[in-house]
Amino acid sequence: MSDGGSRTVRAGRRRVEIHRPDKVLLPGDDDARAYTKGDLVDYHRAVARHMLPHLRGRPLMLDRRPDGLGGPAFMQKNTPDSYPDWIRRAEVAKEGGTVTHTVCDDTATLLYLVDQAGVTLHRWLSRADDVDRPDRLVFDLDPSGDDFEAVREAARRLGELLGELALPSALMTTGSRGLHVIVPLDGSEDFDAVREFAREVADTLADAHPDRLTTAARKKDRGDRLYLDVGRNAYAQTAVAPWTVRALPGAPVATPITWDQLDDPELHARRWTVENAVEQAGAGPWSGLSRRGRSLAPARRRLAALRG
């Protein structure tokens, strides 16, 4: 229901007040209309059951846009004291102190964060109850421009290498320019060990295709090669959450896909938006992924053998 300046929505046992639901947060572009806070609320209500399994128990960082895309952006880590008591917090260590992150365990919290103009959710790769040990590994395939064919080619090559290492993997459009390749882990190793393994995988691939791929951290050293970014695999770093909306015109969504969809000629990083992402979610592109977490020890031995 709505009183003109606000709208109240039911989420499980709670009611969440949405302030200024008609406020435009994301402008339109040549192919899509503008999207209001109310539009984002409706999208998150529809996608919640698919999105929440990837958020529960994980510290979050929020990209907040209180004045829409044209206003300032706030990358929020600390949970404000004004947040209601029923929203879960996770206090984690940082250099010289702690940070109290928001944790999104239910639909009511998800909608409350949308009301706070939390457009994009970035999640930790570990859980708050074992914050030092990630259960996800992420490769970010970052092209030098908008050449999605280079992204597609890099994803295929990375998928083949991970297959040789007997590691399961999954794909996600970022909603921006590239793809993420995700490997589920069993949480038995710390961030340093996981990041070092990811770097060795990326180096192996870049060494095999030096004219196409690079692990150079500095942009000036990459040229027009695609960057295999493994930097998100570190303590306190985050990766964009599956099914989250990106703070870009047209409201593109970071969308899980199947490996077969990589061959779809219509595929690109902003293929899905709040208009059609729920349909893709219903197809279950990552079905069973969370149950496939692996130890990296056997893969590390296989990689060492491949590298000679």
C-alpha atoms as a PDB file:
ATOM      1  CA  MET A   1       0.000   0.000   0.000  1.00  0.00           C
ATOM      2  CA  SER A   2       1.034   3.639  -0.432  1.00  0.00           C
ATOM      3  CA  ASP A   3       0.286   7.048   1.088  1.00  0.00           C
ATOM      4  CA  GLY A   4       1.679   8.987  -1.879  1.00  0.00           C
ATOM      5  CA  GLY A   5       5.084   9.770  -0.363  1.00  0.00           C
ATOM      6  CA  SER A   6       5.798   6.220   0.737  1.00  0.00           C
ATOM      7  CA  ARG A   7       4.764   2.647   0.096  1.00  0.00           C
ATOM      8  CA  THR A   8       4.612  -0.251   2.515  1.00  0.00           C
ATOM      9  CA  VAL A   9       5.426  -3.748   1.264  1.00  0.00           C
ATOM     10  CA  ARG A  10       5.131  -7.069   3.043  1.00  0.00           C
ATOM     11  CA  ALA A  11       8.206  -9.280   3.215  1.00  0.00           C
ATOM     12  CA  GLY A  12       7.620 -12.441   5.187  1.00  0.00           C
ATOM     13  CA  ARG A  13       6.584 -11.472   8.717  1.00  0.00           C
ATOM     14  CA  ARG A  14       7.693  -7.885   8.294  1.00  0.00           C
ATOM     15  CA  ARG A  15       6.459  -4.764   6.589  1.00  0.00           C
ATOM     16  CA  VAL A  16       9.044  -2.493   5.003  1.00  0.00           C
ATOM     17  CA  GLU A  17       8.331   1.165   4.307  1.00  0.00           C
ATOM     18  CA  ILE A  18       9.623   2.374   0.942  1.00  0.00           C
ATOM     19  CA  HIS A  19      10.167   6.124   0.885  1.00  0.00           C
ATOM     20  CA  ARG A  20       9.710   8.087  -2.338  1.00  0.00           C
ATOM     21  CA  PRO A  21       9.064   5.014  -4.522  1.00  0.00           C
ATOM     22  CA  ASP A  22       8.603   7.204  -7.615  1.00  0.00           C
ATOM     23  CA  LYS A  23      12.094   8.673  -7.360  1.00  0.00           C
ATOM     24  CA  VAL A  24      14.164   7.833 -10.456  1.00  0.00           C
ATOM     25  CA  LEU A  25      17.388   6.099  -9.411  1.00  0.00           C
ATOM     26  CA  LEU A  26      18.599   4.860 -12.795  1.00  0.00           C
ATOM     27  CA  PRO A  27      18.047   6.852 -15.989  1.00  0.00           C
ATOM     28  CA  GLY A  28      17.064   5.241 -19.250  1.00  0.00           C
ATOM     29  CA  ASP A  29      19.221   4.794 -22.310  1.00  0.00           C
ATOM     30  CA  ASP A  30      18.569   4.277 -26.025  1.00  0.00           C
ATOM     31  CA  ASP A  31      17.133   0.806 -25.384  1.00  0.00           C
ATOM     32  CA  ALA A  32      15.453   1.071 -21.986  1.00  0.00           C
ATOM     33  CA  ARG A  33      13.328   3.348 -19.873  1.00  0.00           C
ATOM     34  CA  ALA A  34      14.286   4.944 -16.579  1.00  0.00           C
ATOM     35  CA  TYR A  35      13.815   2.966 -13.343  1.00  0.00           C
ATOM     36  CA  THR A  36      12.434   4.214 -10.061  1.00  0.00           C
ATOM     37  CA  LYS A  37      13.070   2.997  -6.542  1.00  0.00           C
ATOM     38  CA  GLY A  38       9.674   1.310  -6.719  1.00  0.00           C
ATOM     39  CA  ASP A  39      10.743  -0.557  -9.861  1.00  0.00           C
ATOM     40  CA  LEU A  40      13.832  -1.836  -8.042  1.00  0.00           C
ATOM     41  CA  VAL A  41      11.700  -2.909  -5.079  1.00  0.00           C
ATOM     42  CA  ASP A  42       9.430  -4.917  -7.391  1.00  0.00           C
ATOM     43  CA  TYR A  43      12.433  -6.531  -9.067  1.00  0.00           C
ATOM     44  CA  HIS A  44      14.055  -7.525  -5.768  1.00  0.00           C
ATOM     45  CA  ARG A  45      10.815  -8.964  -4.430  1.00  0.00           C
ATOM     46  CA  ALA A  46      10.590 -11.133  -7.540  1.00  0.00           C
ATOM     47  CA  VAL A  47      14.225 -12.266  -7.565  1.00  0.00           C
ATOM     48  CA  ALA A  48      14.740 -12.607  -3.797  1.00  0.00           C
ATOM     49  CA  ARG A  49      14.423 -16.393  -3.585  1.00  0.00           C
ATOM     50  CA  HIS A  50      17.136 -16.758  -6.224  1.00  0.00           C
ATOM     51  CA  MET A  51      19.384 -13.995  -4.889  1.00  0.00           C
ATOM     52  CA  LEU A  52      19.295 -14.623  -1.139  1.00  0.00           C
ATOM     53  CA  PRO A  53      21.202 -17.947  -1.199  1.00  0.00           C
ATOM     54  CA  HIS A  54      24.178 -15.980  -2.569  1.00  0.00           C
ATOM     55  CA  LEU A  55      23.913 -13.293   0.125  1.00  0.00           C
ATOM     56  CA  ARG A  56      23.033 -15.090   3.351  1.00  0.00           C
ATOM     57  CA  GLY A  57      25.711 -15.002   5.997  1.00  0.00           C
ATOM     58  CA  ARG A  58      28.089 -12.817   3.966  1.00  0.00           C
ATOM     59  CA  PRO A  59      29.338  -9.327   4.839  1.00  0.00           C
ATOM     60  CA  LEU A  60      28.200  -6.811   2.236  1.00  0.00           C
ATOM     61  CA  MET A  61      29.374  -3.552   0.753  1.00  0.00           C
ATOM     62  CA  LEU A  62      26.642  -1.343  -0.724  1.00  0.00           C
ATOM     63  CA  ASP A  63      26.847   1.014  -3.681  1.00  0.00           C
ATOM     64  CA  ARG A  64      24.276   3.608  -2.550  1.00  0.00           C
ATOM     65  CA  ARG A  65      22.829   6.300  -4.837  1.00  0.00           C
ATOM     66  CA  PRO A  66      20.447   8.398  -2.708  1.00  0.00           C
ATOM     67  CA  ASP A  67      20.131  11.062  -5.418  1.00  0.00           C
ATOM     68  CA  GLY A  68      20.114   8.655  -8.334  1.00  0.00           C
ATOM     69  CA  LEU A  69      22.871   7.935 -10.803  1.00  0.00           C
ATOM     70  CA  GLY A  70      23.581  11.638 -11.328  1.00  0.00           C
ATOM     71  CA  GLY A  71      24.355  12.222  -7.662  1.00  0.00           C
ATOM     72  CA  PRO A  72      27.205  11.124  -5.417  1.00  0.00           C
ATOM     73  CA  ALA A  73      27.943   7.438  -4.843  1.00  0.00           C
ATOM     74  CA  PHE A  74      28.504   6.045  -1.367  1.00  0.00           C
ATOM     75  CA  MET A  75      30.394   2.766  -1.032  1.00  0.00           C
ATOM     76  CA  GLN A  76      29.063   1.737   2.364  1.00  0.00           C
ATOM     77  CA  LYS A  77      30.788  -0.861   4.515  1.00  0.00           C
ATOM     78  CA  ASN A  78      29.791   0.142   8.043  1.00  0.00           C
ATOM     79  CA  THR A  79      26.154  -0.410   9.003  1.00  0.00           C
ATOM     80  CA  PRO A  80      24.572   2.873  10.171  1.00  0.00           C
ATOM     81  CA  ASP A  81      23.139   2.957  13.704  1.00  0.00           C
ATOM     82  CA  SER A  82      19.821   3.995  12.161  1.00  0.00           C
ATOM     83  CA  TYR A  83      19.281   0.560  10.598  1.00  0.00           C
ATOM     84  CA  PRO A  84      16.611  -1.463  12.431  1.00  0.00           C
ATOM     85  CA  ASP A  85      17.690  -4.009  15.039  1.00  0.00           C
ATOM     86  CA  TRP A  86      16.272  -6.917  13.031  1.00  0.00           C
ATOM     87  CA  ILE A  87      18.897  -6.470  10.328  1.00  0.00           C
ATOM     88  CA  ARG A  88      21.867  -8.734  10.977  1.00  0.00           C
ATOM     89  CA  ARG A  89      25.357  -7.282  11.388  1.00  0.00           C
ATOM     90  CA  ALA A  90      28.779  -8.893  11.152  1.00  0.00           C
ATOM     91  CA  GLU A  91      31.741  -7.286  12.896  1.00  0.00           C
ATOM     92  CA  VAL A  92      34.971  -8.201  11.108  1.00  0.00           C
ATOM     93  CA  ALA A  93      38.566  -7.217  11.676  1.00  0.00           C
ATOM     94  CA  LYS A  94      40.360  -4.582   9.680  1.00  0.00           C
ATOM     95  CA  GLU A  95      43.753  -2.988  10.134  1.00  0.00           C
ATOM     96  CA  GLY A  96      43.585  -0.999  13.344  1.00  0.00           C
ATOM     97  CA  GLY A  97      40.033  -1.935  14.293  1.00  0.00           C
ATOM     98  CA  THR A  98      36.831  -3.501  13.037  1.00  0.00           C
ATOM     99  CA  VAL A  99      34.043  -2.884  10.506  1.00  0.00           C
ATOM    100  CA  THR A 100      30.419  -3.779  11.157  1.00  0.00           C
ATOM    101  CA  HIS A 101      29.011  -4.935   7.829  1.00  0.00           C
ATOM    102  CA  THR A 102      25.378  -5.483   6.958  1.00  0.00           C
ATOM    103  CA  VAL A 103      24.361  -9.089   6.259  1.00  0.00           C
ATOM    104  CA  CYS A 104      21.305  -9.772   4.092  1.00  0.00           C
ATOM    105  CA  ASP A 105      19.597 -12.964   5.236  1.00  0.00           C
ATOM    106  CA  ASP A 106      15.990 -12.306   4.198  1.00  0.00           C
ATOM    107  CA  THR A 107      13.710 -10.442   1.799  1.00  0.00           C
ATOM    108  CA  ALA A 108      12.843  -7.751   4.329  1.00  0.00           C
ATOM    109  CA  THR A 109      16.519  -6.789   4.652  1.00  0.00           C
ATOM    110  CA  LEU A 110      16.931  -6.835   0.885  1.00  0.00           C
ATOM    111  CA  LEU A 111      14.012  -4.432   0.415  1.00  0.00           C
ATOM    112  CA  TYR A 112      15.209  -2.203   3.242  1.00  0.00           C
ATOM    113  CA  LEU A 113      18.578  -1.856   1.487  1.00  0.00           C
ATOM    114  CA  VAL A 114      16.789  -0.916  -1.740  1.00  0.00           C
ATOM    115  CA  ASP A 115      14.873   1.743   0.204  1.00  0.00           C
ATOM    116  CA  GLN A 116      18.260   3.089   1.313  1.00  0.00           C
ATOM    117  CA  ALA A 117      19.106   3.401  -2.403  1.00  0.00           C
ATOM    118  CA  GLY A 118      21.471   0.456  -2.157  1.00  0.00           C
ATOM    119  CA  VAL A 119      21.474  -0.171  -5.906  1.00  0.00           C
ATOM    120  CA  THR A 120      24.345  -2.657  -6.133  1.00  0.00           C
ATOM    121  CA  LEU A 121      25.325  -5.235  -3.521  1.00  0.00           C
ATOM    122  CA  HIS A 122      28.910  -6.449  -3.354  1.00  0.00           C
ATOM    123  CA  ARG A 123      29.500  -9.553  -1.248  1.00  0.00           C
ATOM    124  CA  TRP A 124      32.478 -11.068   0.506  1.00  0.00           C
ATOM    125  CA  LEU A 125      33.718 -14.391  -0.844  1.00  0.00           C
ATOM    126  CA  SER A 126      33.643 -15.812   2.677  1.00  0.00           C
ATOM    127  CA  ARG A 127      30.945 -16.044   5.330  1.00  0.00           C
ATOM    128  CA  ALA A 128      30.777 -14.087   8.547  1.00  0.00           C
ATOM    129  CA  ASP A 129      31.081 -17.248  10.662  1.00  0.00           C
ATOM    130  CA  ASP A 130      34.401 -18.188   8.963  1.00  0.00           C
ATOM    131  CA  VAL A 131      35.492 -14.892   7.541  1.00  0.00           C
ATOM    132  CA  ASP A 132      39.111 -15.838   6.838  1.00  0.00           C
ATOM    133  CA  ARG A 133      38.294 -18.818   4.591  1.00  0.00           C
ATOM    134  CA  PRO A 134      36.550 -18.129   1.263  1.00  0.00           C
ATOM    135  CA  ASP A 135      34.119 -20.604  -0.265  1.00  0.00           C
ATOM    136  CA  ARG A 136      34.195 -18.849  -3.630  1.00  0.00           C
ATOM    137  CA  LEU A 137      37.030 -18.034  -6.021  1.00  0.00           C
ATOM    138  CA  VAL A 138      36.421 -15.376  -8.689  1.00  0.00           C
ATOM    139  CA  PHE A 139      38.182 -14.573 -11.938  1.00  0.00           C
ATOM    140  CA  ASP A 140      37.116 -11.201 -13.347  1.00  0.00           C
ATOM    141  CA  LEU A 141      37.497 -11.100 -17.141  1.00  0.00           C
ATOM    142  CA  ASP A 142      37.986  -7.404 -17.792  1.00  0.00           C
ATOM    143  CA  PRO A 143      38.324  -6.313 -21.453  1.00  0.00           C
ATOM    144  CA  SER A 144      40.298  -3.227 -22.437  1.00  0.00           C
ATOM    145  CA  GLY A 145      37.237  -1.888 -24.284  1.00  0.00           C
ATOM    146  CA  ASP A 146      33.795  -3.160 -25.219  1.00  0.00           C
ATOM    147  CA  ASP A 147      35.041  -6.161 -27.201  1.00  0.00           C
ATOM    148  CA  PHE A 148      32.828  -8.899 -25.787  1.00  0.00           C
ATOM    149  CA  GLU A 149      34.192 -11.471 -28.212  1.00  0.00           C
ATOM    150  CA  ALA A 150      37.513 -11.200 -26.377  1.00  0.00           C
ATOM    151  CA  VAL A 151      35.658 -11.874 -23.129  1.00  0.00           C
ATOM    152  CA  ARG A 152      33.879 -14.853 -24.626  1.00  0.00           C
ATOM    153  CA  GLU A 153      37.156 -16.295 -25.912  1.00  0.00           C
ATOM    154  CA  ALA A 154      38.910 -15.817 -22.568  1.00  0.00           C
ATOM    155  CA  ALA A 155      36.036 -17.470 -20.717  1.00  0.00           C
ATOM    156  CA  ARG A 156      36.211 -20.521 -22.950  1.00  0.00           C
ATOM    157  CA  ARG A 157      39.951 -20.864 -22.435  1.00  0.00           C
ATOM    158  CA  LEU A 158      39.666 -20.400 -18.682  1.00  0.00           C
ATOM    159  CA  GLY A 159      36.802 -22.896 -18.493  1.00  0.00           C
ATOM    160  CA  GLU A 160      38.869 -25.453 -20.386  1.00  0.00           C
ATOM    161  CA  LEU A 161      41.827 -24.971 -18.030  1.00  0.00           C
ATOM    162  CA  LEU A 162      39.648 -25.294 -14.940  1.00  0.00           C
ATOM    163  CA  GLY A 163      38.200 -28.455 -16.468  1.00  0.00           C
ATOM    164  CA  GLU A 164      41.724 -29.863 -16.828  1.00  0.00           C
ATOM    165  CA  LEU A 165      42.196 -29.107 -13.132  1.00  0.00           C
ATOM    166  CA  ALA A 166      38.938 -30.966 -12.336  1.00  0.00           C
ATOM    167  CA  LEU A 167      37.399 -27.845 -10.816  1.00  0.00           C
ATOM    168  CA  PRO A 168      33.716 -27.008 -11.300  1.00  0.00           C
ATOM    169  CA  SER A 169      33.057 -23.481 -12.518  1.00  0.00           C
ATOM    170  CA  ALA A 170      30.186 -21.160 -13.339  1.00  0.00           C
ATOM    171  CA  LEU A 171      29.699 -18.004 -15.398  1.00  0.00           C
ATOM    172  CA  MET A 172      28.081 -14.686 -14.617  1.00  0.00           C
ATOM    173  CA  THR A 173      27.668 -11.538 -16.683  1.00  0.00           C
ATOM    174  CA  THR A 174      28.821  -8.560 -14.643  1.00  0.00           C
ATOM    175  CA  GLY A 175      26.172  -6.175 -15.942  1.00  0.00           C
ATOM    176  CA  SER A 176      29.036  -3.887 -16.945  1.00  0.00           C
ATOM    177  CA  ARG A 177      31.606  -5.045 -19.542  1.00  0.00           C
ATOM    178  CA  GLY A 178      32.871  -8.520 -18.740  1.00  0.00           C
ATOM    179  CA  LEU A 179      32.214 -11.876 -17.148  1.00  0.00           C
ATOM    180  CA  HIS A 180      33.014 -13.466 -13.818  1.00  0.00           C
ATOM    181  CA  VAL A 181      34.090 -17.094 -13.669  1.00  0.00           C
ATOM    182  CA  ILE A 182      33.294 -18.536 -10.235  1.00  0.00           C
ATOM    183  CA  VAL A 183      34.767 -21.662  -8.650  1.00  0.00           C
ATOM    184  CA  PRO A 184      32.991 -23.043  -5.544  1.00  0.00           C
ATOM    185  CA  LEU A 185      35.401 -24.028  -2.758  1.00  0.00           C
ATOM    186  CA  ASP A 186      35.098 -26.133   0.386  1.00  0.00           C
ATOM    187  CA  GLY A 187      36.405 -23.324   2.615  1.00  0.00           C
ATOM    188  CA  SER A 188      39.456 -25.244   3.772  1.00  0.00           C
ATOM    189  CA  GLU A 189      42.074 -22.614   2.804  1.00  0.00           C
ATOM    190  CA  ASP A 190      42.643 -18.968   3.670  1.00  0.00           C
ATOM    191  CA  PHE A 191      42.513 -16.016   1.306  1.00  0.00           C
ATOM    192  CA  ASP A 192      46.256 -15.856   0.712  1.00  0.00           C
ATOM    193  CA  ALA A 193      46.387 -19.478  -0.471  1.00  0.00           C
ATOM    194  CA  VAL A 194      43.306 -19.097  -2.660  1.00  0.00           C
ATOM    195  CA  ARG A 195      44.532 -15.875  -4.242  1.00  0.00           C
ATOM    196  CA  GLU A 196      47.951 -17.392  -4.954  1.00  0.00           C
ATOM    197  CA  PHE A 197      46.307 -20.352  -6.677  1.00  0.00           C
ATOM    198  CA  ALA A 198      44.089 -18.036  -8.729  1.00  0.00           C
ATOM    199  CA  ARG A 199      47.124 -16.011  -9.742  1.00  0.00           C
ATOM    200  CA  GLU A 200      48.960 -19.145 -10.898  1.00  0.00           C
ATOM    201  CA  VAL A 201      45.955 -20.184 -12.987  1.00  0.00           C
ATOM    202  CA  ALA A 202      45.730 -16.723 -14.545  1.00  0.00           C
ATOM    203  CA  ASP A 203      49.487 -16.617 -15.200  1.00  0.00           C
ATOM    204  CA  THR A 204      49.324 -20.044 -16.856  1.00  0.00           C
ATOM    205  CA  LEU A 205      46.601 -18.856 -19.202  1.00  0.00           C
ATOM    206  CA  ALA A 206      48.277 -15.513 -19.934  1.00  0.00           C
ATOM    207  CA  ASP A 207      51.609 -17.216 -20.628  1.00  0.00           C
ATOM    208  CA  ALA A 208      49.875 -19.462 -23.177  1.00  0.00           C
ATOM    209  CA  HIS A 209      48.174 -16.512 -24.922  1.00  0.00           C
ATOM    210  CA  PRO A 210      50.429 -13.480 -24.318  1.00  0.00           C
ATOM    211  CA  ASP A 211      49.022 -11.534 -27.267  1.00  0.00           C
ATOM    212  CA  ARG A 212      45.422 -11.836 -25.988  1.00  0.00           C
ATOM    213  CA  LEU A 213      45.561 -12.067 -22.199  1.00  0.00           C
ATOM    214  CA  THR A 214      47.450 -10.385 -19.371  1.00  0.00           C
ATOM    215  CA  THR A 215      47.737 -10.334 -15.597  1.00  0.00           C
ATOM    216  CA  ALA A 216      49.380  -6.885 -15.559  1.00  0.00           C
ATOM    217  CA  ALA A 217      47.846  -4.836 -12.766  1.00  0.00           C
ATOM    218  CA  ARG A 218      48.693  -1.472 -14.355  1.00  0.00           C
ATOM    219  CA  LYS A 219      46.453  -0.420 -17.217  1.00  0.00           C
ATOM    220  CA  LYS A 220      49.357   1.110 -19.116  1.00  0.00           C
ATOM    221  CA  ASP A 221      50.987  -2.346 -19.254  1.00  0.00           C
ATOM    222  CA  ARG A 222      47.955  -4.152 -20.680  1.00  0.00           C
ATOM    223  CA  GLY A 223      47.609  -2.588 -24.096  1.00  0.00           C
ATOM    224  CA  ASP A 224      44.495  -3.976 -25.772  1.00  0.00           C
ATOM    225  CA  ARG A 225      44.746  -7.347 -24.004  1.00  0.00           C
ATOM    226  CA  LEU A 226      42.043  -8.687 -21.705  1.00  0.00           C
ATOM    227  CA  TYR A 227      42.931  -8.471 -18.018  1.00  0.00           C
ATOM    228  CA  LEU A 228      42.585 -11.650 -15.936  1.00  0.00           C
ATOM    229  CA  ASP A 229      41.850 -10.024 -12.584  1.00  0.00           C
ATOM    230  CA  VAL A 230      42.206 -12.190  -9.462  1.00  0.00           C
ATOM    231  CA  GLY A 231      42.470  -9.323  -6.987  1.00  0.00           C
ATOM    232  CA  ARG A 232      39.014  -9.910  -5.534  1.00  0.00           C
ATOM    233  CA  ASN A 233      40.285 -13.098  -3.903  1.00  0.00           C
ATOM    234  CA  ALA A 234      41.641 -11.293  -0.859  1.00  0.00           C
ATOM    235  CA  TYR A 235      40.477 -10.603   2.662  1.00  0.00           C
ATOM    236  CA  ALA A 236      37.968  -7.714   2.830  1.00  0.00           C
ATOM    237  CA  GLN A 237      37.636  -7.555  -0.972  1.00  0.00           C
ATOM    238  CA  THR A 238      34.211  -8.021  -2.527  1.00  0.00           C
ATOM    239  CA  ALA A 239      32.654  -9.194  -5.777  1.00  0.00           C
ATOM    240  CA  VAL A 240      29.389  -8.057  -7.292  1.00  0.00           C
ATOM    241  CA  ALA A 241      26.558 -10.300  -6.079  1.00  0.00           C
ATOM    242  CA  PRO A 242      24.567 -12.547  -8.425  1.00  0.00           C
ATOM    243  CA  TRP A 243      21.270 -10.944  -9.531  1.00  0.00           C
ATOM    244  CA  THR A 244      22.210  -7.496  -8.236  1.00  0.00           C
ATOM    245  CA  VAL A 245      21.432  -4.379 -10.296  1.00  0.00           C
ATOM    246  CA  ARG A 246      24.354  -2.306 -11.553  1.00  0.00           C
ATOM    247  CA  ALA A 247      24.369   1.447 -11.128  1.00  0.00           C
ATOM    248  CA  LEU A 248      24.213   2.108 -14.868  1.00  0.00           C
ATOM    249  CA  PRO A 249      21.600   3.463 -17.284  1.00  0.00           C
ATOM    250  CA  GLY A 250      19.053   0.833 -18.241  1.00  0.00           C
ATOM    251  CA  ALA A 251      19.424  -1.117 -14.953  1.00  0.00           C
ATOM    252  CA  PRO A 252      21.576  -4.041 -16.162  1.00  0.00           C
ATOM    253  CA  VAL A 253      21.821  -7.029 -13.832  1.00  0.00           C
ATOM    254  CA  ALA A 254      24.801  -9.231 -12.918  1.00  0.00           C
ATOM    255  CA  THR A 255      23.337 -12.488 -14.173  1.00  0.00           C
ATOM    256  CA  PRO A 256      24.398 -16.127 -13.732  1.00  0.00           C
ATOM    257  CA  ILE A 257      24.401 -18.062 -16.997  1.00  0.00           C
ATOM    258  CA  THR A 258      25.190 -21.587 -18.141  1.00  0.00           C
ATOM    259  CA  TRP A 259      28.304 -22.476 -20.083  1.00  0.00           C
ATOM    260  CA  ASP A 260      26.087 -23.311 -23.068  1.00  0.00           C
ATOM    261  CA  GLN A 261      24.816 -19.727 -23.085  1.00  0.00           C
ATOM    262  CA  LEU A 262      28.355 -18.517 -23.697  1.00  0.00           C
ATOM    263  CA  ASP A 263      27.788 -19.467 -27.355  1.00  0.00           C
ATOM    264  CA  ASP A 264      24.625 -17.353 -27.664  1.00  0.00           C
ATOM    265  CA  PRO A 265      25.382 -14.638 -30.260  1.00  0.00           C
ATOM    266  CA  GLU A 266      23.060 -12.282 -28.348  1.00  0.00           C
ATOM    267  CA  LEU A 267      25.114 -12.585 -25.164  1.00  0.00           C
ATOM    268  CA  HIS A 268      26.892  -9.530 -23.799  1.00  0.00           C
ATOM    269  CA  ALA A 269      27.712  -8.209 -20.328  1.00  0.00           C
ATOM    270  CA  ARG A 270      24.492  -6.161 -20.104  1.00  0.00           C
ATOM    271  CA  ARG A 271      22.244  -8.762 -21.747  1.00  0.00           C
ATOM    272  CA  TRP A 272      19.833  -8.902 -18.775  1.00  0.00           C
ATOM    273  CA  THR A 273      18.145  -6.047 -16.947  1.00  0.00           C
ATOM    274  CA  VAL A 274      15.467  -5.761 -14.274  1.00  0.00           C
ATOM    275  CA  GLU A 275      12.971  -6.328 -17.105  1.00  0.00           C
ATOM    276  CA  ASN A 276      14.060  -9.880 -17.926  1.00  0.00           C
ATOM    277  CA  ALA A 277      16.557 -11.173 -15.339  1.00  0.00           C
ATOM    278  CA  VAL A 278      13.885 -12.924 -13.245  1.00  0.00           C
ATOM    279  CA  GLU A 279      13.059 -15.187 -16.198  1.00  0.00           C
ATOM    280  CA  GLN A 280      16.731 -16.159 -16.454  1.00  0.00           C
ATOM    281  CA  ALA A 281      16.823 -16.766 -12.683  1.00  0.00           C
ATOM    282  CA  GLY A 282      13.880 -19.152 -12.951  1.00  0.00           C
ATOM    283  CA  ALA A 283      15.856 -21.283 -15.404  1.00  0.00           C
ATOM    284  CA  GLY A 284      18.296 -22.153 -12.604  1.00  0.00           C
ATOM    285  CA  PRO A 285      21.603 -21.522 -14.415  1.00  0.00           C
ATOM    286  CA  TRP A 286      23.670 -22.333 -11.299  1.00  0.00           C
ATOM    287  CA  SER A 287      21.628 -25.289 -10.100  1.00  0.00           C
ATOM    288  CA  GLY A 288      23.579 -27.316  -7.544  1.00  0.00           C
ATOM    289  CA  LEU A 289      26.654 -25.054  -7.606  1.00  0.00           C
ATOM    290  CA  SER A 290      26.769 -24.525  -3.834  1.00  0.00           C
ATOM    291  CA  ARG A 291      26.984 -28.287  -3.257  1.00  0.00           C
ATOM    292  CA  ARG A 292      30.035 -28.646  -5.502  1.00  0.00           C
ATOM    293  CA  GLY A 293      32.680 -26.904  -3.385  1.00  0.00           C
ATOM    294  CA  ARG A 294      36.148 -28.376  -3.863  1.00  0.00           C
ATOM    295  CA  SER A 295      39.487 -28.485  -2.115  1.00  0.00           C
ATOM    296  CA  LEU A 296      42.230 -26.820  -4.149  1.00  0.00           C
ATOM    297  CA  ALA A 297      44.906 -29.338  -3.138  1.00  0.00           C
ATOM    298  CA  PRO A 298      44.349 -31.800  -6.045  1.00  0.00           C
ATOM    299  CA  ALA A 299      43.945 -28.926  -8.518  1.00  0.00           C
ATOM    300  CA  ARG A 300      47.180 -27.387  -7.280  1.00  0.00           C
ATOM    301  CA  ARG A 301      49.047 -30.613  -8.007  1.00  0.00           C
ATOM    302  CA  ARG A 302      47.496 -30.835 -11.484  1.00  0.00           C
ATOM    303  CA  LEU A 303      48.409 -27.213 -12.192  1.00  0.00           C
ATOM    304  CA  ALA A 304      52.007 -27.785 -11.108  1.00  0.00           C
ATOM    305  CA  ALA A 305      52.209 -30.733 -13.513  1.00  0.00           C
ATOM    306  CA  LEU A 306      50.786 -28.630 -16.361  1.00  0.00           C
ATOM    307  CA  ARG A 307      53.287 -25.838 -15.677  1.00  0.00           C
ATOM    308  CA  GLY A 308      56.115 -28.392 -15.733  1.00  0.00           C
END
